[in-house]
PDB file of all heavy atoms in Angstrom:
ATOM      1  N   ARG A   1     100.754  89.076  53.040  1.00  0.00           N
ATOM      2  CA  ARG A   1      99.369  88.912  53.482  1.00  0.00           C
ATOM      3  C   ARG A   1      99.157  89.564  54.844  1.00  0.00           C
ATOM      4  O   ARG A   1      98.181  90.294  55.062  1.00  0.00           O
ATOM      5  CB  ARG A   1      98.989  87.428  53.547  1.00  0.00           C
ATOM      6  CG  ARG A   1      97.534  87.190  53.975  1.00  0.00           C
ATOM      7  CD  ARG A   1      97.226  85.711  54.126  1.00  0.00           C
ATOM      8  NE  ARG A   1      97.990  85.107  55.217  1.00  0.00           N
ATOM      9  CZ  ARG A   1      97.648  85.212  56.507  1.00  0.00           C
ATOM     10  NH1 ARG A   1      96.575  85.926  56.857  1.00  0.00           N
ATOM     11  NH2 ARG A   1      98.375  84.625  57.428  1.00  0.00           N
ATOM     12  N   LEU A   2     100.079  89.320  55.764  1.00  0.00           N
ATOM     13  CA  LEU A   2      99.970  89.901  57.099  1.00  0.00           C
ATOM     14  C   LEU A   2     100.057  91.434  57.043  1.00  0.00           C
ATOM     15  O   LEU A   2      99.355  92.123  57.786  1.00  0.00           O
ATOM     16  CB  LEU A   2     101.067  89.343  58.013  1.00  0.00           C
ATOM     17  CG  LEU A   2     100.915  87.870  58.404  1.00  0.00           C
ATOM     18  CD1 LEU A   2     102.141  87.395  59.181  1.00  0.00           C
ATOM     19  CD2 LEU A   2      99.642  87.654  59.237  1.00  0.00           C
ATOM     20  N   ALA A   3     100.919  91.956  56.170  1.00  0.00           N
ATOM     21  CA  ALA A   3     101.029  93.404  56.035  1.00  0.00           C
ATOM     22  C   ALA A   3      99.726  94.006  55.512  1.00  0.00           C
ATOM     23  O   ALA A   3      99.274  95.057  55.998  1.00  0.00           O
ATOM     24  CB  ALA A   3     102.188  93.754  55.096  1.00  0.00           C
ATOM     25  N   LEU A   4      99.120  93.368  54.525  1.00  0.00           N
ATOM     26  CA  LEU A   4      97.837  93.848  54.008  1.00  0.00           C
ATOM     27  C   LEU A   4      96.759  93.797  55.092  1.00  0.00           C
ATOM     28  O   LEU A   4      95.941  94.729  55.226  1.00  0.00           O
ATOM     29  CB  LEU A   4      97.402  93.011  52.808  1.00  0.00           C
ATOM     30  CG  LEU A   4      98.018  93.347  51.461  1.00  0.00           C
ATOM     31  CD1 LEU A   4      97.523  92.362  50.407  1.00  0.00           C
ATOM     32  CD2 LEU A   4      97.698  94.772  51.035  1.00  0.00           C
ATOM     33  N   GLU A   5      96.740  92.739  55.879  1.00  0.00           N
ATOM     34  CA  GLU A   5      95.744  92.621  56.939  1.00  0.00           C
ATOM     35  C   GLU A   5      95.945  93.690  58.015  1.00  0.00           C
ATOM     36  O   GLU A   5      94.975  94.257  58.540  1.00  0.00           O
ATOM     37  CB  GLU A   5      95.783  91.226  57.544  1.00  0.00           C
ATOM     38  CG  GLU A   5      95.264  90.144  56.587  1.00  0.00           C
ATOM     39  CD  GLU A   5      95.434  88.736  57.145  1.00  0.00           C
ATOM     40  OE1 GLU A   5      96.164  88.584  58.150  1.00  0.00           O
ATOM     41  OE2 GLU A   5      94.860  87.807  56.549  1.00  0.00           O
ATOM     42  N   THR A   6      97.208  93.965  58.340  1.00  0.00           N
ATOM     43  CA  THR A   6      97.494  95.031  59.301  1.00  0.00           C
ATOM     44  C   THR A   6      97.024  96.379  58.780  1.00  0.00           C
ATOM     45  O   THR A   6      96.381  97.162  59.492  1.00  0.00           O
ATOM     46  CB  THR A   6      99.011  95.093  59.583  1.00  0.00           C
ATOM     47  OG1 THR A   6      99.425  93.872  60.196  1.00  0.00           O
ATOM     48  CG2 THR A   6      99.343  96.268  60.515  1.00  0.00           C
ATOM     49  N   ALA A   7      97.340  96.651  57.511  1.00  0.00           N
ATOM     50  CA  ALA A   7      96.907  97.910  56.905  1.00  0.00           C
ATOM     51  C   ALA A   7      95.389  98.013  56.896  1.00  0.00           C
ATOM     52  O   ALA A   7      94.820  99.047  57.253  1.00  0.00           O
ATOM     53  CB  ALA A   7      97.457  98.013  55.479  1.00  0.00           C
ATOM     54  N   ALA A   8      94.721  96.930  56.497  1.00  0.00           N
ATOM     55  CA  ALA A   8      93.260  96.939  56.421  1.00  0.00           C
ATOM     56  C   ALA A   8      92.634  97.204  57.781  1.00  0.00           C
ATOM     57  O   ALA A   8      91.671  97.973  57.905  1.00  0.00           O
ATOM     58  CB  ALA A   8      92.762  95.609  55.861  1.00  0.00           C
ATOM     59  N   GLU A   9      93.181  96.592  58.813  1.00  0.00           N
ATOM     60  CA  GLU A   9      92.642  96.783  60.166  1.00  0.00           C
ATOM     61  C   GLU A   9      92.751  98.237  60.608  1.00  0.00           C
ATOM     62  O   GLU A   9      91.817  98.807  61.168  1.00  0.00           O
ATOM     63  CB  GLU A   9      93.394  95.874  61.137  1.00  0.00           C
ATOM     64  CG  GLU A   9      92.885  95.950  62.563  1.00  0.00           C
ATOM     65  CD  GLU A   9      93.650  95.016  63.492  1.00  0.00           C
ATOM     66  OE1 GLU A   9      94.402  94.157  62.993  1.00  0.00           O
ATOM     67  OE2 GLU A   9      93.494  95.157  64.716  1.00  0.00           O
ATOM     68  N   ARG A  10      93.886  98.841  60.324  1.00  0.00           N
ATOM     69  CA  ARG A  10      94.088 100.239  60.733  1.00  0.00           C
ATOM     70  C   ARG A  10      93.233 101.199  59.892  1.00  0.00           C
ATOM     71  O   ARG A  10      92.658 102.159  60.416  1.00  0.00           O
ATOM     72  CB  ARG A  10      95.571 100.607  60.626  1.00  0.00           C
ATOM     73  CG  ARG A  10      96.460  99.867  61.628  1.00  0.00           C
ATOM     74  CD  ARG A  10      97.876 100.424  61.609  1.00  0.00           C
ATOM     75  NE  ARG A  10      97.886 101.848  61.889  1.00  0.00           N
ATOM     76  CZ  ARG A  10      97.854 102.385  63.107  1.00  0.00           C
ATOM     77  NH1 ARG A  10      97.802 101.591  64.182  1.00  0.00           N
ATOM     78  NH2 ARG A  10      97.864 103.690  63.265  1.00  0.00           N
ATOM     79  N   ILE A  11      93.149 100.939  58.597  1.00  0.00           N
ATOM     80  CA  ILE A  11      92.324 101.786  57.724  1.00  0.00           C
ATOM     81  C   ILE A  11      90.858 101.696  58.136  1.00  0.00           C
ATOM     82  O   ILE A  11      90.146 102.709  58.218  1.00  0.00           O
ATOM     83  CB  ILE A  11      92.509 101.376  56.253  1.00  0.00           C
ATOM     84  CG1 ILE A  11      93.949 101.649  55.810  1.00  0.00           C
ATOM     85  CG2 ILE A  11      91.528 102.113  55.351  1.00  0.00           C
ATOM     86  CD1 ILE A  11      94.334 100.967  54.513  1.00  0.00           C
ATOM     87  N   ARG A  12      90.409 100.492  58.423  1.00  0.00           N
ATOM     88  CA  ARG A  12      89.007 100.300  58.837  1.00  0.00           C
ATOM     89  C   ARG A  12      88.725 101.026  60.154  1.00  0.00           C
ATOM     90  O   ARG A  12      87.702 101.727  60.282  1.00  0.00           O
ATOM     91  CB  ARG A  12      88.702  98.809  58.950  1.00  0.00           C
ATOM     92  CG  ARG A  12      87.222  98.498  59.188  1.00  0.00           C
ATOM     93  CD  ARG A  12      86.960  97.010  59.129  1.00  0.00           C
ATOM     94  NE  ARG A  12      87.151  96.469  57.798  1.00  0.00           N
ATOM     95  CZ  ARG A  12      88.177  95.685  57.434  1.00  0.00           C
ATOM     96  NH1 ARG A  12      89.107  95.344  58.316  1.00  0.00           N
ATOM     97  NH2 ARG A  12      88.267  95.244  56.193  1.00  0.00           N
ATOM     98  N   ALA A  13      89.612 100.884  61.133  1.00  0.00           N
ATOM     99  CA  ALA A  13      89.396 101.530  62.433  1.00  0.00           C
ATOM    100  C   ALA A  13      89.332 103.034  62.303  1.00  0.00           C
ATOM    101  O   ALA A  13      88.520 103.700  62.968  1.00  0.00           O
ATOM    102  CB  ALA A  13      90.519 101.115  63.398  1.00  0.00           C
ATOM    103  N   TYR A  14      90.177 103.596  61.457  1.00  0.00           N
ATOM    104  CA  TYR A  14      90.163 105.050  61.262  1.00  0.00           C
ATOM    105  C   TYR A  14      88.860 105.514  60.627  1.00  0.00           C
ATOM    106  O   TYR A  14      88.242 106.491  61.053  1.00  0.00           O
ATOM    107  CB  TYR A  14      91.347 105.457  60.390  1.00  0.00           C
ATOM    108  CG  TYR A  14      91.459 106.952  60.156  1.00  0.00           C
ATOM    109  CD1 TYR A  14      92.171 107.750  61.043  1.00  0.00           C
ATOM    110  CD2 TYR A  14      90.843 107.554  59.065  1.00  0.00           C
ATOM    111  CE1 TYR A  14      92.272 109.117  60.832  1.00  0.00           C
ATOM    112  CE2 TYR A  14      90.931 108.923  58.855  1.00  0.00           C
ATOM    113  CZ  TYR A  14      91.654 109.709  59.745  1.00  0.00           C
ATOM    114  OH  TYR A  14      91.733 111.060  59.534  1.00  0.00           O
ATOM    115  N   HIS A  15      88.426 104.791  59.590  1.00  0.00           N
ATOM    116  CA  HIS A  15      87.251 105.237  58.846  1.00  0.00           C
ATOM    117  C   HIS A  15      85.954 104.990  59.594  1.00  0.00           C
ATOM    118  O   HIS A  15      84.967 105.697  59.351  1.00  0.00           O
ATOM    119  CB  HIS A  15      87.246 104.606  57.451  1.00  0.00           C
ATOM    120  CG  HIS A  15      88.277 105.183  56.541  1.00  0.00           C
ATOM    121  ND1 HIS A  15      89.609 104.826  56.578  1.00  0.00           N
ATOM    122  CD2 HIS A  15      88.191 106.149  55.582  1.00  0.00           C
ATOM    123  CE1 HIS A  15      90.283 105.513  55.679  1.00  0.00           C
ATOM    124  NE2 HIS A  15      89.453 106.320  55.064  1.00  0.00           N
ATOM    125  N   VAL A  16      85.926 104.031  60.502  1.00  0.00           N
ATOM    126  CA  VAL A  16      84.735 103.840  61.333  1.00  0.00           C
ATOM    127  C   VAL A  16      84.445 105.109  62.131  1.00  0.00           C
ATOM    128  O   VAL A  16      83.285 105.499  62.313  1.00  0.00           O
ATOM    129  CB  VAL A  16      84.918 102.622  62.269  1.00  0.00           C
ATOM    130  CG1 VAL A  16      83.901 102.646  63.402  1.00  0.00           C
ATOM    131  CG2 VAL A  16      84.792 101.325  61.477  1.00  0.00           C
ATOM    132  N   ARG A  17      85.508 105.787  62.575  1.00  0.00           N
ATOM    133  CA  ARG A  17      85.320 107.007  63.341  1.00  0.00           C
ATOM    134  C   ARG A  17      84.787 108.169  62.502  1.00  0.00           C
ATOM    135  O   ARG A  17      84.321 109.185  63.054  1.00  0.00           O
ATOM    136  CB  ARG A  17      86.647 107.419  63.988  1.00  0.00           C
ATOM    137  CG  ARG A  17      87.077 106.510  65.138  1.00  0.00           C
ATOM    138  CD  ARG A  17      88.417 106.945  65.700  1.00  0.00           C
ATOM    139  NE  ARG A  17      88.792 106.170  66.871  1.00  0.00           N
ATOM    140  CZ  ARG A  17      88.531 106.520  68.127  1.00  0.00           C
ATOM    141  NH1 ARG A  17      87.872 107.658  68.381  1.00  0.00           N
ATOM    142  NH2 ARG A  17      88.907 105.767  69.131  1.00  0.00           N
ATOM    143  N   GLN A  18      84.863 108.052  61.186  1.00  0.00           N
ATOM    144  CA  GLN A  18      84.355 109.111  60.318  1.00  0.00           C
ATOM    145  C   GLN A  18      82.838 109.050  60.122  1.00  0.00           C
ATOM    146  O   GLN A  18      82.250 110.017  59.627  1.00  0.00           O
ATOM    147  CB  GLN A  18      85.010 109.035  58.941  1.00  0.00           C
ATOM    148  CG  GLN A  18      86.473 109.408  58.905  1.00  0.00           C
ATOM    149  CD  GLN A  18      87.036 109.321  57.502  1.00  0.00           C
ATOM    150  OE1 GLN A  18      86.512 108.602  56.639  1.00  0.00           O
ATOM    151  NE2 GLN A  18      88.110 110.063  57.236  1.00  0.00           N
ATOM    152  N   MET A  19      82.218 107.952  60.492  1.00  0.00           N
ATOM    153  CA  MET A  19      80.787 107.808  60.230  1.00  0.00           C
ATOM    154  C   MET A  19      79.992 108.907  60.931  1.00  0.00           C
ATOM    155  O   MET A  19      80.072 109.072  62.151  1.00  0.00           O
ATOM    156  CB  MET A  19      80.309 106.437  60.689  1.00  0.00           C
ATOM    157  CG  MET A  19      80.701 105.309  59.752  1.00  0.00           C
ATOM    158  SD  MET A  19      79.886 105.420  58.122  1.00  0.00           S
ATOM    159  CE  MET A  19      78.203 105.009  58.553  1.00  0.00           C
ATOM    160  N   PRO A  20      79.215 109.674  60.176  1.00  0.00           N
ATOM    161  CA  PRO A  20      78.426 110.736  60.772  1.00  0.00           C
ATOM    162  C   PRO A  20      77.156 110.182  61.427  1.00  0.00           C
ATOM    163  O   PRO A  20      76.728 109.065  61.154  1.00  0.00           O
ATOM    164  CB  PRO A  20      78.074 111.623  59.573  1.00  0.00           C
ATOM    165  CG  PRO A  20      77.999 110.660  58.427  1.00  0.00           C
ATOM    166  CD  PRO A  20      79.060 109.611  58.707  1.00  0.00           C
ATOM    167  N   GLU A  21      76.550 110.981  62.281  1.00  0.00           N
ATOM    168  CA  GLU A  21      75.343 110.565  62.987  1.00  0.00           C
ATOM    169  C   GLU A  21      74.109 111.228  62.376  1.00  0.00           C
ATOM    170  O   GLU A  21      74.159 112.369  61.920  1.00  0.00           O
ATOM    171  CB  GLU A  21      75.437 110.935  64.460  1.00  0.00           C
ATOM    172  CG  GLU A  21      76.525 110.177  65.219  1.00  0.00           C
ATOM    173  CD  GLU A  21      76.535 110.510  66.694  1.00  0.00           C
ATOM    174  OE1 GLU A  21      75.762 111.420  67.105  1.00  0.00           O
ATOM    175  OE2 GLU A  21      77.303 109.888  67.434  1.00  0.00           O
ATOM    176  N   ASN A  22      73.009 110.481  62.387  1.00  0.00           N
ATOM    177  CA  ASN A  22      71.722 111.065  62.004  1.00  0.00           C
ATOM    178  C   ASN A  22      71.295 112.050  63.094  1.00  0.00           C
ATOM    179  O   ASN A  22      71.749 111.967  64.243  1.00  0.00           O
ATOM    180  CB  ASN A  22      70.670 109.977  61.846  1.00  0.00           C
ATOM    181  CG  ASN A  22      70.993 109.009  60.718  1.00  0.00           C
ATOM    182  OD1 ASN A  22      71.706 109.357  59.787  1.00  0.00           O
ATOM    183  ND2 ASN A  22      70.477 107.801  60.808  1.00  0.00           N
ATOM    184  N   ALA A  23      70.423 112.976  62.743  1.00  0.00           N
ATOM    185  CA  ALA A  23      69.954 113.960  63.732  1.00  0.00           C
ATOM    186  C   ALA A  23      68.485 114.272  63.495  1.00  0.00           C
ATOM    187  O   ALA A  23      68.000 114.251  62.356  1.00  0.00           O
ATOM    188  CB  ALA A  23      70.785 115.237  63.638  1.00  0.00           C
ATOM    189  N   LEU A  24      67.773 114.550  64.556  1.00  0.00           N
ATOM    190  CA  LEU A  24      66.351 114.903  64.493  1.00  0.00           C
ATOM    191  C   LEU A  24      66.032 115.746  65.719  1.00  0.00           C
ATOM    192  O   LEU A  24      66.375 115.355  66.848  1.00  0.00           O
ATOM    193  CB  LEU A  24      65.483 113.643  64.461  1.00  0.00           C
ATOM    194  CG  LEU A  24      64.039 113.804  63.973  1.00  0.00           C
ATOM    195  CD1 LEU A  24      64.008 114.177  62.487  1.00  0.00           C
ATOM    196  CD2 LEU A  24      63.252 112.520  64.203  1.00  0.00           C
ATOM    197  N   TRP A  25      65.408 116.901  65.515  1.00  0.00           N
ATOM    198  CA  TRP A  25      65.047 117.760  66.641  1.00  0.00           C
ATOM    199  C   TRP A  25      63.800 118.570  66.297  1.00  0.00           C
ATOM    200  O   TRP A  25      63.407 118.666  65.133  1.00  0.00           O
ATOM    201  CB  TRP A  25      66.209 118.699  66.987  1.00  0.00           C
ATOM    202  CG  TRP A  25      66.484 119.747  65.940  1.00  0.00           C
ATOM    203  CD1 TRP A  25      65.974 120.997  65.864  1.00  0.00           C
ATOM    204  CD2 TRP A  25      67.323 119.589  64.771  1.00  0.00           C
ATOM    205  NE1 TRP A  25      66.439 121.648  64.750  1.00  0.00           N
ATOM    206  CE2 TRP A  25      67.272 120.811  64.077  1.00  0.00           C
ATOM    207  CE3 TRP A  25      68.114 118.545  64.280  1.00  0.00           C
ATOM    208  CZ2 TRP A  25      67.980 121.011  62.887  1.00  0.00           C
ATOM    209  CZ3 TRP A  25      68.813 118.748  63.117  1.00  0.00           C
ATOM    210  CH2 TRP A  25      68.751 119.963  62.428  1.00  0.00           C
ATOM    211  N   THR A  26      63.192 119.151  67.309  1.00  0.00           N
ATOM    212  CA  THR A  26      62.041 120.015  67.137  1.00  0.00           C
ATOM    213  C   THR A  26      62.445 121.437  67.514  1.00  0.00           C
ATOM    214  O   THR A  26      62.949 121.671  68.620  1.00  0.00           O
ATOM    215  CB  THR A  26      60.858 119.570  68.004  1.00  0.00           C
ATOM    216  OG1 THR A  26      60.491 118.232  67.644  1.00  0.00           O
ATOM    217  CG2 THR A  26      59.659 120.476  67.824  1.00  0.00           C
ATOM    218  N   ASP A  27      62.235 122.375  66.590  1.00  0.00           N
ATOM    219  CA  ASP A  27      62.681 123.748  66.851  1.00  0.00           C
ATOM    220  C   ASP A  27      61.608 124.515  67.639  1.00  0.00           C
ATOM    221  O   ASP A  27      60.502 123.999  67.882  1.00  0.00           O
ATOM    222  CB  ASP A  27      63.066 124.436  65.550  1.00  0.00           C
ATOM    223  CG  ASP A  27      61.880 124.773  64.650  1.00  0.00           C
ATOM    224  OD1 ASP A  27      60.717 124.704  65.098  1.00  0.00           O
ATOM    225  OD2 ASP A  27      62.123 125.110  63.467  1.00  0.00           O
ATOM    226  N   PRO A  28      61.900 125.736  68.045  1.00  0.00           N
ATOM    227  CA  PRO A  28      60.940 126.498  68.878  1.00  0.00           C
ATOM    228  C   PRO A  28      59.592 126.741  68.231  1.00  0.00           C
ATOM    229  O   PRO A  28      58.595 126.965  68.937  1.00  0.00           O
ATOM    230  CB  PRO A  28      61.689 127.818  69.138  1.00  0.00           C
ATOM    231  CG  PRO A  28      63.140 127.463  69.035  1.00  0.00           C
ATOM    232  CD  PRO A  28      63.209 126.428  67.964  1.00  0.00           C
ATOM    233  N   ASP A  29      59.520 126.726  66.890  1.00  0.00           N
ATOM    234  CA  ASP A  29      58.242 126.933  66.218  1.00  0.00           C
ATOM    235  C   ASP A  29      57.408 125.644  66.118  1.00  0.00           C
ATOM    236  O   ASP A  29      56.284 125.682  65.619  1.00  0.00           O
ATOM    237  CB  ASP A  29      58.473 127.496  64.812  1.00  0.00           C
ATOM    238  CG  ASP A  29      58.986 128.929  64.853  1.00  0.00           C
ATOM    239  OD1 ASP A  29      58.412 129.736  65.601  1.00  0.00           O
ATOM    240  OD2 ASP A  29      59.953 129.218  64.140  1.00  0.00           O
ATOM    241  N   GLY A  30      57.984 124.517  66.542  1.00  0.00           N
ATOM    242  CA  GLY A  30      57.255 123.258  66.502  1.00  0.00           C
ATOM    243  C   GLY A  30      57.517 122.426  65.265  1.00  0.00           C
ATOM    244  O   GLY A  30      56.843 121.416  65.045  1.00  0.00           O
ATOM    245  N   ALA A  31      58.502 122.830  64.441  1.00  0.00           N
ATOM    246  CA  ALA A  31      58.863 122.043  63.252  1.00  0.00           C
ATOM    247  C   ALA A  31      59.881 120.985  63.645  1.00  0.00           C
ATOM    248  O   ALA A  31      60.815 121.262  64.384  1.00  0.00           O
ATOM    249  CB  ALA A  31      59.445 122.949  62.176  1.00  0.00           C
ATOM    250  N   THR A  32      59.671 119.773  63.127  1.00  0.00           N
ATOM    251  CA  THR A  32      60.634 118.694  63.339  1.00  0.00           C
ATOM    252  C   THR A  32      61.572 118.661  62.137  1.00  0.00           C
ATOM    253  O   THR A  32      61.144 118.553  60.996  1.00  0.00           O
ATOM    254  CB  THR A  32      59.930 117.343  63.498  1.00  0.00           C
ATOM    255  OG1 THR A  32      59.069 117.407  64.636  1.00  0.00           O
ATOM    256  CG2 THR A  32      60.937 116.222  63.695  1.00  0.00           C
ATOM    257  N   LEU A  33      62.890 118.783  62.424  1.00  0.00           N
ATOM    258  CA  LEU A  33      63.887 118.895  61.360  1.00  0.00           C
ATOM    259  C   LEU A  33      65.034 117.932  61.624  1.00  0.00           C
ATOM    260  O   LEU A  33      65.255 117.499  62.755  1.00  0.00           O
ATOM    261  CB  LEU A  33      64.444 120.323  61.305  1.00  0.00           C
ATOM    262  CG  LEU A  33      63.439 121.449  61.117  1.00  0.00           C
ATOM    263  CD1 LEU A  33      64.118 122.796  61.310  1.00  0.00           C
ATOM    264  CD2 LEU A  33      62.779 121.372  59.748  1.00  0.00           C
ATOM    265  N   GLY A  34      65.772 117.626  60.579  1.00  0.00           N
ATOM    266  CA  GLY A  34      66.933 116.767  60.768  1.00  0.00           C
ATOM    267  C   GLY A  34      67.525 116.304  59.468  1.00  0.00           C
ATOM    268  O   GLY A  34      67.268 116.855  58.406  1.00  0.00           O
ATOM    269  N   TRP A  35      68.328 115.274  59.592  1.00  0.00           N
ATOM    270  CA  TRP A  35      68.929 114.650  58.418  1.00  0.00           C
ATOM    271  C   TRP A  35      69.209 113.180  58.696  1.00  0.00           C
ATOM    272  O   TRP A  35      69.272 112.755  59.845  1.00  0.00           O
ATOM    273  CB  TRP A  35      70.203 115.365  57.988  1.00  0.00           C
ATOM    274  CG  TRP A  35      71.250 115.467  59.060  1.00  0.00           C
ATOM    275  CD1 TRP A  35      72.046 114.469  59.555  1.00  0.00           C
ATOM    276  CD2 TRP A  35      71.618 116.637  59.779  1.00  0.00           C
ATOM    277  NE1 TRP A  35      72.879 114.929  60.523  1.00  0.00           N
ATOM    278  CE2 TRP A  35      72.639 116.277  60.684  1.00  0.00           C
ATOM    279  CE3 TRP A  35      71.187 117.969  59.743  1.00  0.00           C
ATOM    280  CZ2 TRP A  35      73.228 117.190  61.543  1.00  0.00           C
ATOM    281  CZ3 TRP A  35      71.782 118.870  60.595  1.00  0.00           C
ATOM    282  CH2 TRP A  35      72.785 118.487  61.488  1.00  0.00           C
ATOM    283  N   ARG A  36      69.349 112.445  57.609  1.00  0.00           N
ATOM    284  CA  ARG A  36      69.628 111.013  57.699  1.00  0.00           C
ATOM    285  C   ARG A  36      70.675 110.664  56.657  1.00  0.00           C
ATOM    286  O   ARG A  36      70.610 111.120  55.503  1.00  0.00           O
ATOM    287  CB  ARG A  36      68.329 110.230  57.450  1.00  0.00           C
ATOM    288  CG  ARG A  36      68.483 108.712  57.519  1.00  0.00           C
ATOM    289  CD  ARG A  36      67.150 108.032  57.213  1.00  0.00           C
ATOM    290  NE  ARG A  36      66.125 108.444  58.157  1.00  0.00           N
ATOM    291  CZ  ARG A  36      64.828 108.528  57.866  1.00  0.00           C
ATOM    292  NH1 ARG A  36      64.414 108.270  56.641  1.00  0.00           N
ATOM    293  NH2 ARG A  36      63.959 108.894  58.785  1.00  0.00           N
ATOM    294  N   TRP A  37      71.643 109.841  57.056  1.00  0.00           N
ATOM    295  CA  TRP A  37      72.711 109.408  56.145  1.00  0.00           C
ATOM    296  C   TRP A  37      72.424 107.988  55.651  1.00  0.00           C
ATOM    297  O   TRP A  37      72.122 107.103  56.442  1.00  0.00           O
ATOM    298  CB  TRP A  37      74.054 109.416  56.850  1.00  0.00           C
ATOM    299  CG  TRP A  37      74.516 110.778  57.268  1.00  0.00           C
ATOM    300  CD1 TRP A  37      74.250 111.409  58.448  1.00  0.00           C
ATOM    301  CD2 TRP A  37      75.303 111.687  56.507  1.00  0.00           C
ATOM    302  NE1 TRP A  37      74.831 112.642  58.476  1.00  0.00           N
ATOM    303  CE2 TRP A  37      75.489 112.841  57.298  1.00  0.00           C
ATOM    304  CE3 TRP A  37      75.884 111.625  55.241  1.00  0.00           C
ATOM    305  CZ2 TRP A  37      76.229 113.932  56.848  1.00  0.00           C
ATOM    306  CZ3 TRP A  37      76.628 112.700  54.791  1.00  0.00           C
ATOM    307  CH2 TRP A  37      76.792 113.847  55.593  1.00  0.00           C
ATOM    308  N   THR A  38      72.536 107.787  54.346  1.00  0.00           N
ATOM    309  CA  THR A  38      72.364 106.447  53.783  1.00  0.00           C
ATOM    310  C   THR A  38      73.454 106.211  52.734  1.00  0.00           C
ATOM    311  O   THR A  38      73.885 107.142  52.047  1.00  0.00           O
ATOM    312  CB  THR A  38      70.987 106.291  53.103  1.00  0.00           C
ATOM    313  OG1 THR A  38      70.812 107.333  52.127  1.00  0.00           O
ATOM    314  CG2 THR A  38      69.868 106.357  54.133  1.00  0.00           C
ATOM    315  N   PRO A  39      73.927 104.980  52.602  1.00  0.00           N
ATOM    316  CA  PRO A  39      74.994 104.695  51.633  1.00  0.00           C
ATOM    317  C   PRO A  39      74.478 104.623  50.216  1.00  0.00           C
ATOM    318  O   PRO A  39      73.280 104.368  49.972  1.00  0.00           O
ATOM    319  CB  PRO A  39      75.516 103.319  52.083  1.00  0.00           C
ATOM    320  CG  PRO A  39      74.333 102.678  52.727  1.00  0.00           C
ATOM    321  CD  PRO A  39      73.569 103.790  53.397  1.00  0.00           C
ATOM    322  N   VAL A  40      75.380 104.845  49.260  1.00  0.00           N
ATOM    323  CA  VAL A  40      75.045 104.541  47.871  1.00  0.00           C
ATOM    324  C   VAL A  40      74.828 103.026  47.786  1.00  0.00           C
ATOM    325  O   VAL A  40      75.408 102.261  48.561  1.00  0.00           O
ATOM    326  CB  VAL A  40      76.135 104.999  46.893  1.00  0.00           C
ATOM    327  CG1 VAL A  40      76.356 106.502  46.990  1.00  0.00           C
ATOM    328  CG2 VAL A  40      77.440 104.268  47.124  1.00  0.00           C
ATOM    329  N   ALA A  41      73.993 102.594  46.867  1.00  0.00           N
ATOM    330  CA  ALA A  41      73.672 101.168  46.790  1.00  0.00           C
ATOM    331  C   ALA A  41      74.815 100.357  46.188  1.00  0.00           C
ATOM    332  O   ALA A  41      75.051  99.206  46.604  1.00  0.00           O
ATOM    333  CB  ALA A  41      72.401 100.965  45.967  1.00  0.00           C
ATOM    334  N   ALA A  42      75.516 100.941  45.222  1.00  0.00           N
ATOM    335  CA  ALA A  42      76.583 100.197  44.538  1.00  0.00           C
ATOM    336  C   ALA A  42      77.717 101.142  44.168  1.00  0.00           C
ATOM    337  O   ALA A  42      77.478 102.267  43.720  1.00  0.00           O
ATOM    338  CB  ALA A  42      76.052  99.508  43.279  1.00  0.00           C
ATOM    339  N   ALA A  43      78.943 100.683  44.346  1.00  0.00           N
ATOM    340  CA  ALA A  43      80.121 101.474  43.998  1.00  0.00           C
ATOM    341  C   ALA A  43      81.085 100.635  43.180  1.00  0.00           C
ATOM    342  O   ALA A  43      81.205  99.422  43.387  1.00  0.00           O
ATOM    343  CB  ALA A  43      80.807 102.002  45.249  1.00  0.00           C
ATOM    344  N   GLY A  44      81.762 101.301  42.261  1.00  0.00           N
ATOM    345  CA  GLY A  44      82.778 100.643  41.445  1.00  0.00           C
ATOM    346  C   GLY A  44      84.132 101.300  41.648  1.00  0.00           C
ATOM    347  O   GLY A  44      84.222 102.527  41.658  1.00  0.00           O
ATOM    348  N   LEU A  45      85.142 100.501  41.838  1.00  0.00           N
ATOM    349  CA  LEU A  45      86.484 100.999  42.073  1.00  0.00           C
ATOM    350  C   LEU A  45      87.368 100.659  40.871  1.00  0.00           C
ATOM    351  O   LEU A  45      87.463  99.499  40.480  1.00  0.00           O
ATOM    352  CB  LEU A  45      87.086 100.377  43.335  1.00  0.00           C
ATOM    353  CG  LEU A  45      86.192 100.325  44.578  1.00  0.00           C
ATOM    354  CD1 LEU A  45      86.933  99.667  45.723  1.00  0.00           C
ATOM    355  CD2 LEU A  45      85.732 101.725  44.952  1.00  0.00           C
TER     356      LEU A  45
END
């Protein structure tokens, strides 16, 4: 149990750093552009 918890903690910490950031900016022509990240609603393993 302790080994699984140790593994889970390390796996979680690594993957938190992978989370991408949303972005939004206005270009020189005056267009507002960007992207947004959203999760899938349901996953099956």
